[in-house]
Amino acid sequence: MKNAAIYSSIPDLKQLEEIMRTLYKDQKMTVKPDRTHIEVIQGGLFRKKTRKGFNIMTSQTEPAQFSAMIDGMGGFFYQVPAVNKQVQQKVLLKLSTLNMVIGIETEEDISEEFYGELLHIVRSLDGLLFWGGGQLLNGQGELVLDANGNSGVEDYIVTAHTSHLHNEFQITPTGESRKQRSNTYLEKQGIPINTTLPARLGDEQASRIRTRDQVAERAVAVCITAVKGECVGAGETAAATRELISQIIQQYKADRFFTAEEKAFIEQEQPGEDDVVRFSWRYEALWVLLWALGYIDSLEKPTQICDVPEAVSIVQQFDSFAAFRDGAQLRIASEILDAADLIYRYDWACVDSRVHQRPIPGGLDAGVVHERHYALNWLTGYLDQEWDDVRTDT
């Protein structure tokens, strides 16, 4: 058997290298400078040489590809007819915490010795081994869940990297109530629901919601980068775009508000098409931030793009950042948590449809849903991730 991969919530490539060097301390090992590929060569002289390759991808090195892969796995294991529903739910929860995948390369079938080495790595990374045609094994080699819904364990304990462990996955009565309200609302709209998605947004999460100042700063930064994306996409000259963006930045003294990715985008005279599209879509995130600040009355069903001129005019009507910030009133925590829980479940419906190549249900616009999910995850402090690193796990 050659088909195998290791999944872990630990994103630390240096830690992985240390584990591998300890495991293969007597073997020749080469590591790419960015640690995304490790090769081990065993044997020589009187033993046949064997080559073992490890291709590593993380949520930081390739965020878009990694997110799509995890969404696909989640959709696959959600639909299996699990015998043990509790284990299935916990597997789906574990998948939402993953940060690393290690693809295994070998010229021959995986030997019993190599299988034992893989399990050692799984235990060291507190991960899962994807084995064969759809088996998920724990570090002891026990079957957790397979493509037919079978489990060889009665229970599965979900653990995650410390970046995830901030009560994020504690199930509480208020979280369950919020989940039920969201699911009831979705059912009335004819939107498919996933009853196994965790109730991760209890009232206890209120303390993690961003402050009014943080949201106001983020709204200004997002607005400016979206305006630049729109200008470039519309074919405005570089000089005209630069003059407009510089004027807005100066008006709001916004230099310090930008993330590293935003700053790089602002400074590019001719940004690439992918970045132009990505930042232009951020108007949808801006709409959410303006709603959270009380400037937008309600978040309607995400079936169409927001009123872009209205969003921009709200920001531009103020002569300074202080005036924009002071005119805002952050919504109560329960409203923000309600919106975050609902968009989480909307996004699952979109991802599930995409994975199974079905039409997006209920007239939803998947792009709008994704951007709202992104903004609401940041608003609610999901995984304590900063803006450039926000994940929209489903």
Protein backbone atom coordinates (compact mmCIF):
# COMPACT_ATOMS: atom_id res chain seq x y z
CA MET A 1 0.00 0.00 0.00
CA LYS A 2 1.31 3.44 -0.97
CA ASN A 3 -1.64 5.74 -0.28
CA ALA A 4 -1.17 7.42 3.10
CA ALA A 5 -1.09 10.88 4.67
CA ILE A 6 -0.76 12.28 8.17
CA TYR A 7 -2.98 15.08 9.45
CA SER A 8 -2.29 17.21 12.50
CA SER A 9 -3.51 20.42 14.13
CA ILE A 10 0.11 21.37 14.86
CA PRO A 11 1.39 23.90 12.27
CA ASP A 12 5.00 23.97 13.47
CA LEU A 13 7.31 22.80 10.67
CA LYS A 14 10.35 23.10 12.91
CA GLN A 15 8.76 20.75 15.42
CA LEU A 16 8.05 18.25 12.65
CA GLU A 17 11.67 18.39 11.50
CA GLU A 18 12.87 17.70 15.04
CA ILE A 19 10.54 14.70 15.29
CA MET A 20 11.84 13.35 11.99
CA ARG A 21 15.50 13.87 12.88
CA THR A 22 15.01 11.96 16.11
CA LEU A 23 13.14 9.15 14.36
CA TYR A 24 15.68 8.86 11.53
CA LYS A 25 18.82 9.88 13.42
CA ASP A 26 20.89 7.11 11.84
CA GLN A 27 19.65 7.72 8.31
CA LYS A 28 20.45 10.26 5.61
CA MET A 29 17.83 12.98 5.69
CA THR A 30 17.48 16.09 3.54
CA VAL A 31 15.13 18.97 4.30
CA LYS A 32 14.11 21.77 1.94
CA PRO A 33 14.96 25.23 3.30
CA ASP A 34 11.25 26.04 3.73
CA ARG A 35 10.69 22.61 5.38
CA THR A 36 7.90 21.68 2.95
CA HIS A 37 9.66 18.49 1.81
CA ILE A 38 11.71 15.93 3.73
CA GLU A 39 13.43 12.95 2.19
CA VAL A 40 14.91 9.98 4.04
CA ILE A 41 17.22 7.48 2.36
CA GLN A 42 17.87 4.22 4.17
CA GLY A 43 20.15 1.33 3.35
CA GLY A 44 23.24 1.29 1.16
CA LEU A 45 26.32 -0.92 0.92
CA PHE A 46 24.85 -4.34 1.65
CA ARG A 47 21.24 -3.22 1.99
CA LYS A 48 18.90 -2.06 -0.73
CA LYS A 49 18.42 1.69 -0.63
CA THR A 50 14.89 2.86 0.07
CA ARG A 51 13.59 6.37 -0.34
CA LYS A 52 10.84 7.88 1.80
CA GLY A 53 9.43 11.28 0.89
CA PHE A 54 7.28 13.56 3.02
CA ASN A 55 5.50 16.46 1.31
CA ILE A 56 4.25 18.96 3.89
CA MET A 57 1.54 21.56 3.49
CA THR A 58 0.13 23.75 6.26
CA SER A 59 -2.63 26.29 6.68
CA GLN A 60 0.10 28.96 6.65
CA THR A 61 2.19 27.82 3.66
CA GLU A 62 -0.73 27.26 1.28
CA PRO A 63 -3.89 28.59 2.98
CA ALA A 64 -6.30 28.43 0.04
CA GLN A 65 -5.33 24.92 -1.07
CA PHE A 66 -5.23 23.66 2.51
CA SER A 67 -8.66 25.09 3.31
CA ALA A 68 -10.18 23.53 0.18
CA MET A 69 -8.67 20.17 1.06
CA ILE A 70 -10.03 20.24 4.62
CA ASP A 71 -13.44 21.32 3.36
CA GLY A 72 -13.41 18.35 1.00
CA MET A 73 -12.47 15.93 3.76
CA GLY A 74 -15.15 17.34 6.01
CA GLY A 75 -17.78 16.94 3.30
CA PHE A 76 -16.65 13.38 2.61
CA PHE A 77 -16.69 12.17 6.21
CA TYR A 78 -19.92 14.03 6.97
CA GLN A 79 -21.83 12.01 4.40
CA VAL A 80 -20.60 8.54 5.40
CA PRO A 81 -23.32 6.46 7.12
CA ALA A 82 -21.53 6.30 10.46
CA VAL A 83 -22.44 3.52 12.87
CA ASN A 84 -21.12 5.58 15.79
CA LYS A 85 -22.52 9.10 15.28
CA GLN A 86 -20.68 10.45 18.31
CA VAL A 87 -17.30 9.41 16.90
CA GLN A 88 -18.24 10.86 13.51
CA GLN A 89 -19.11 14.21 15.08
CA LYS A 90 -15.82 14.29 16.94
CA VAL A 91 -13.89 13.40 13.79
CA LEU A 92 -15.53 16.34 11.99
CA LEU A 93 -14.59 18.55 14.91
CA LYS A 94 -11.00 17.30 14.74
CA LEU A 95 -10.88 18.04 11.00
CA SER A 96 -11.84 21.66 11.70
CA THR A 97 -8.71 22.05 13.87
CA LEU A 98 -6.20 20.70 11.34
CA ASN A 99 -3.23 22.82 10.33
CA MET A 100 -0.86 20.37 8.62
CA VAL A 101 -0.94 17.49 6.15
CA ILE A 102 2.04 15.28 5.32
CA GLY A 103 1.75 13.35 2.09
CA ILE A 104 3.76 10.13 2.03
CA GLU A 105 5.89 9.21 -0.99
CA THR A 106 7.40 5.74 -1.32
CA GLU A 107 8.64 3.74 -4.29
CA GLU A 108 7.27 0.48 -2.87
CA ASP A 109 4.35 -0.56 -0.74
CA ILE A 110 4.54 0.70 2.83
CA SER A 111 6.29 -1.95 4.87
CA GLU A 112 5.33 -2.95 8.38
CA GLU A 113 8.42 -1.11 9.64
CA PHE A 114 7.49 2.09 7.79
CA TYR A 115 3.89 1.77 9.00
CA GLY A 116 5.20 1.72 12.57
CA GLU A 117 7.28 4.84 11.84
CA LEU A 118 4.21 6.61 10.48
CA LEU A 119 2.24 5.79 13.61
CA HIS A 120 5.12 7.18 15.69
CA ILE A 121 4.86 10.46 13.78
CA VAL A 122 1.07 10.47 14.23
CA ARG A 123 1.44 10.03 17.99
CA SER A 124 4.11 12.73 18.19
CA LEU A 125 1.87 15.17 16.30
CA ASP A 126 -1.33 14.06 18.03
CA GLY A 127 -2.78 13.52 14.59
CA LEU A 128 -4.60 11.07 12.35
CA LEU A 129 -3.31 8.72 9.67
CA PHE A 130 -5.29 8.59 6.43
CA TRP A 131 -4.74 5.06 5.23
CA GLY A 132 -5.72 3.22 2.09
CA GLY A 133 -9.02 4.04 0.46
CA GLY A 134 -10.56 6.08 3.23
CA GLN A 135 -9.55 4.93 6.71
CA LEU A 136 -8.67 7.35 9.50
CA LEU A 137 -6.45 5.73 12.13
CA ASN A 138 -5.26 7.05 15.48
CA GLY A 139 -1.68 6.85 16.72
CA GLN A 140 -2.24 3.32 17.96
CA GLY A 141 -3.36 2.13 14.54
CA GLU A 142 -6.99 1.80 15.62
CA LEU A 143 -9.72 2.59 13.10
CA VAL A 144 -11.46 5.83 14.08
CA LEU A 145 -13.71 6.12 11.01
CA ASP A 146 -13.71 4.82 7.45
CA ALA A 147 -15.54 5.50 4.22
CA ASN A 148 -18.21 2.94 5.09
CA GLY A 149 -18.95 4.53 8.46
CA ASN A 150 -17.23 1.89 10.54
CA SER A 151 -15.29 2.63 13.73
CA GLY A 152 -13.00 0.41 15.75
CA VAL A 153 -13.19 2.65 18.82
CA GLU A 154 -16.12 3.48 21.07
CA ASP A 155 -15.06 7.09 21.56
CA TYR A 156 -12.56 9.58 20.20
CA ILE A 157 -11.02 12.36 22.25
CA VAL A 158 -10.58 15.57 20.28
CA THR A 159 -7.41 17.50 20.98
CA ALA A 160 -5.91 20.45 19.13
CA HIS A 161 -2.95 22.76 18.95
CA THR A 162 -2.84 25.36 21.71
CA SER A 163 -3.90 28.05 19.23
CA HIS A 164 -7.28 26.33 19.16
CA LEU A 165 -7.71 25.73 22.86
CA HIS A 166 -9.42 28.84 24.15
CA ASN A 167 -12.75 27.25 25.06
CA GLU A 168 -13.39 27.38 21.30
CA PHE A 169 -14.89 23.93 21.18
CA GLN A 170 -16.55 23.65 24.55
CA ILE A 171 -20.20 22.78 24.11
CA THR A 172 -22.38 24.96 26.34
CA PRO A 173 -26.17 25.36 26.73
CA THR A 174 -26.12 28.83 25.15
CA GLY A 175 -24.09 27.52 22.23
CA GLU A 176 -26.52 24.65 21.71
CA SER A 177 -29.46 27.04 21.83
CA ARG A 178 -27.84 29.32 19.28
CA LYS A 179 -27.11 26.34 17.02
CA GLN A 180 -30.72 25.19 17.21
CA ARG A 181 -32.04 28.66 16.40
CA SER A 182 -29.75 28.85 13.37
CA ASN A 183 -30.72 25.39 12.13
CA THR A 184 -34.44 26.12 12.55
CA TYR A 185 -34.04 29.33 10.56
CA LEU A 186 -32.11 27.54 7.81
CA GLU A 187 -34.68 24.74 7.59
CA LYS A 188 -37.45 27.30 7.06
CA GLN A 189 -35.41 28.72 4.17
CA GLY A 190 -34.87 25.30 2.64
CA ILE A 191 -31.12 25.41 3.32
CA PRO A 192 -29.51 22.01 4.08
CA ILE A 193 -28.17 21.71 7.62
CA ASN A 194 -25.43 19.64 9.20
CA THR A 195 -26.53 18.60 12.68
CA THR A 196 -23.00 17.44 13.51
CA LEU A 197 -21.44 20.89 13.16
CA PRO A 198 -20.40 21.92 16.69
CA ALA A 199 -22.20 24.53 18.77
CA ARG A 200 -19.03 26.53 19.26
CA LEU A 201 -20.49 30.01 19.79
CA GLY A 202 -21.96 30.13 23.26
CA ASP A 203 -22.43 33.38 25.14
CA GLU A 204 -19.15 32.58 26.87
CA GLN A 205 -17.39 33.72 23.68
CA ALA A 206 -18.56 37.32 24.16
CA SER A 207 -15.31 38.31 25.86
CA ARG A 208 -13.40 37.52 22.66
CA ILE A 209 -15.36 39.86 20.41
CA ARG A 210 -13.21 42.68 19.02
CA THR A 211 -13.54 46.16 20.52
CA ARG A 212 -15.20 49.12 18.83
CA ASP A 213 -11.80 50.69 18.11
CA GLN A 214 -10.45 47.49 16.58
CA VAL A 215 -13.51 47.07 14.36
CA ALA A 216 -13.44 50.72 13.28
CA GLU A 217 -9.76 50.53 12.33
CA ARG A 218 -10.36 47.30 10.43
CA ALA A 219 -13.32 48.77 8.58
CA VAL A 220 -11.27 51.73 7.35
CA ALA A 221 -8.39 49.52 6.22
CA VAL A 222 -10.71 47.09 4.44
CA CYS A 223 -12.54 49.96 2.76
CA ILE A 224 -9.33 51.51 1.44
CA THR A 225 -7.97 48.23 0.04
CA ALA A 226 -11.33 47.39 -1.53
CA VAL A 227 -11.48 50.82 -3.17
CA LYS A 228 -8.00 50.27 -4.60
CA GLY A 229 -9.02 46.84 -5.89
CA GLU A 230 -12.07 48.37 -7.54
CA CYS A 231 -10.05 51.19 -9.12
CA VAL A 232 -7.46 48.83 -10.57
CA GLY A 233 -10.14 46.43 -11.76
CA ALA A 234 -12.00 49.27 -13.48
CA GLY A 235 -8.87 50.27 -15.39
CA GLU A 236 -8.11 53.51 -13.57
CA THR A 237 -4.57 54.78 -14.15
CA ALA A 238 -1.95 53.97 -11.55
CA ALA A 239 -1.41 57.68 -10.89
CA ALA A 240 -5.10 58.41 -10.33
CA THR A 241 -5.49 55.36 -8.08
CA ARG A 242 -2.42 56.26 -6.05
CA GLU A 243 -3.64 59.83 -5.56
CA LEU A 244 -7.09 58.72 -4.39
CA ILE A 245 -5.78 56.07 -1.99
CA SER A 246 -3.17 58.45 -0.55
CA GLN A 247 -5.86 61.04 0.05
CA ILE A 248 -8.09 58.60 1.96
CA ILE A 249 -5.17 57.26 4.01
CA GLN A 250 -4.17 60.79 4.97
CA GLN A 251 -7.75 61.77 5.82
CA TYR A 252 -8.09 58.89 8.29
CA LYS A 253 -4.42 58.66 9.29
CA ALA A 254 -4.81 55.01 8.37
CA ASP A 255 -1.17 54.00 7.77
CA ARG A 256 -1.06 51.97 10.97
CA PHE A 257 -4.31 50.11 10.31
CA PHE A 258 -3.08 47.88 7.48
CA THR A 259 -1.99 44.27 7.83
CA ALA A 260 1.16 43.05 6.10
CA GLU A 261 -0.82 41.75 3.10
CA GLU A 262 -2.86 44.93 2.84
CA LYS A 263 0.23 47.13 3.03
CA ALA A 264 1.89 45.14 0.26
CA PHE A 265 -1.23 45.50 -1.90
CA ILE A 266 -1.46 49.24 -1.29
CA GLU A 267 2.18 49.73 -2.26
CA GLN A 268 1.93 47.81 -5.56
CA GLU A 269 1.52 50.01 -8.61
CA GLN A 270 0.13 47.16 -10.69
CA PRO A 271 -1.07 44.35 -8.43
CA GLY A 272 -1.88 40.96 -9.90
CA GLU A 273 -5.37 40.05 -11.03
CA ASP A 274 -5.89 37.54 -8.21
CA ASP A 275 -5.14 40.17 -5.57
CA VAL A 276 -7.35 42.72 -7.30
CA VAL A 277 -10.27 40.30 -7.24
CA ARG A 278 -9.60 39.19 -3.67
CA PHE A 279 -9.43 42.69 -2.25
CA SER A 280 -12.41 43.90 -4.28
CA TRP A 281 -14.50 41.13 -2.74
CA ARG A 282 -13.64 42.53 0.67
CA TYR A 283 -16.49 45.03 0.28
CA GLU A 284 -18.62 42.18 1.62
CA ALA A 285 -16.44 41.97 4.72
CA LEU A 286 -16.66 45.75 5.06
CA TRP A 287 -20.45 45.48 5.02
CA VAL A 288 -20.30 43.13 8.01
CA LEU A 289 -17.93 45.43 9.90
CA LEU A 290 -20.20 48.42 9.26
CA TRP A 291 -23.13 46.37 10.50
CA ALA A 292 -21.22 45.47 13.66
CA LEU A 293 -20.51 49.18 14.20
CA GLY A 294 -24.21 50.04 13.87
CA TYR A 295 -23.91 51.84 10.54
CA ILE A 296 -25.88 49.14 8.70
CA ASP A 297 -29.28 48.17 10.10
CA SER A 298 -29.31 44.46 9.29
CA LEU A 299 -27.52 41.63 7.53
CA GLU A 300 -29.96 40.28 5.00
CA LYS A 301 -29.80 36.75 3.61
CA PRO A 302 -26.51 36.50 1.68
CA THR A 303 -27.99 36.07 -1.79
CA GLN A 304 -26.55 39.16 -3.49
CA ILE A 305 -23.62 41.51 -3.21
CA CYS A 306 -23.82 44.44 -0.82
CA ASP A 307 -24.56 48.06 -1.73
CA VAL A 308 -20.97 49.09 -2.47
CA PRO A 309 -21.63 52.84 -2.98
CA GLU A 310 -23.52 52.93 0.32
CA ALA A 311 -20.68 51.17 2.16
CA VAL A 312 -18.07 53.56 0.80
CA SER A 313 -20.23 56.64 1.47
CA ILE A 314 -20.68 55.63 5.11
CA VAL A 315 -16.92 55.68 5.64
CA GLN A 316 -16.25 58.75 3.53
CA GLN A 317 -18.87 60.97 5.14
CA PHE A 318 -16.58 61.54 8.12
CA ASP A 319 -13.68 63.96 8.02
CA SER A 320 -11.49 61.89 10.34
CA PHE A 321 -11.07 58.46 11.84
CA ALA A 322 -12.00 59.80 15.29
CA ALA A 323 -15.35 61.02 13.96
CA PHE A 324 -16.01 57.66 12.26
CA ARG A 325 -15.11 55.74 15.40
CA ASP A 326 -17.04 57.98 17.78
CA GLY A 327 -20.15 57.79 15.63
CA ALA A 328 -20.21 54.02 15.93
CA GLN A 329 -21.84 51.85 18.56
CA LEU A 330 -20.75 48.23 18.63
CA ARG A 331 -23.67 45.81 18.55
CA ILE A 332 -24.42 43.68 21.57
CA ALA A 333 -22.49 40.44 21.76
CA SER A 334 -25.50 38.16 21.28
CA GLU A 335 -26.30 39.73 17.88
CA ILE A 336 -22.73 39.29 16.66
CA LEU A 337 -22.58 35.70 17.91
CA ASP A 338 -25.95 34.93 16.30
CA ALA A 339 -24.69 36.24 12.95
CA ALA A 340 -21.41 34.32 13.25
CA ASP A 341 -23.16 31.04 14.04
CA LEU A 342 -25.62 31.45 11.20
CA ILE A 343 -22.99 32.30 8.55
CA TYR A 344 -20.91 29.32 9.72
CA ARG A 345 -23.82 27.06 8.81
CA TYR A 346 -24.62 28.93 5.59
CA ASP A 347 -21.01 28.41 4.52
CA TRP A 348 -21.19 24.70 5.26
CA ALA A 349 -24.19 24.44 2.90
CA CYS A 350 -22.22 26.23 0.17
CA VAL A 351 -19.11 24.08 0.65
CA ASP A 352 -21.15 20.87 0.76
CA SER A 353 -22.83 21.79 -2.52
CA ARG A 354 -19.50 22.56 -4.15
CA VAL A 355 -17.92 19.31 -2.94
CA HIS A 356 -20.82 17.28 -4.30
CA GLN A 357 -21.14 19.38 -7.46
CA ARG A 358 -24.70 20.48 -6.69
CA PRO A 359 -26.26 23.93 -7.20
CA ILE A 360 -25.77 26.32 -4.29
CA PRO A 361 -29.02 26.13 -2.28
CA GLY A 362 -31.50 28.88 -1.49
CA GLY A 363 -30.10 31.37 -3.96
CA LEU A 364 -27.03 31.90 -1.76
CA ASP A 365 -24.04 33.71 -3.22
CA ALA A 366 -21.05 31.61 -2.13
CA GLY A 367 -18.66 34.55 -2.48
CA VAL A 368 -20.76 36.78 -0.26
CA VAL A 369 -21.13 33.97 2.28
CA HIS A 370 -17.39 33.37 2.39
CA GLU A 371 -16.51 37.04 2.93
CA ARG A 372 -19.11 37.42 5.66
CA HIS A 373 -17.84 34.27 7.33
CA TYR A 374 -14.29 35.65 7.16
CA ALA A 375 -15.27 38.95 8.77
CA LEU A 376 -17.45 37.36 11.46
CA ASN A 377 -14.75 34.84 12.40
CA TRP A 378 -12.39 37.76 12.91
CA LEU A 379 -15.02 39.71 14.85
CA THR A 380 -15.60 36.83 17.24
CA GLY A 381 -11.89 36.07 17.71
CA TYR A 382 -12.04 32.63 16.09
CA LEU A 383 -8.82 30.78 17.00
CA ASP A 384 -7.32 34.15 18.02
CA GLN A 385 -6.26 34.64 14.41
CA GLU A 386 -5.42 38.05 13.00
CA TRP A 387 -7.01 39.32 9.79
CA ASP A 388 -4.53 37.91 7.28
CA ASP A 389 -4.70 34.47 8.88
CA VAL A 390 -8.45 34.03 9.39
CA ARG A 391 -9.80 30.60 8.49
CA THR A 392 -13.37 29.85 7.48
CA ASP A 393 -13.56 26.25 8.63
CA THR A 394 -16.79 24.38 8.05
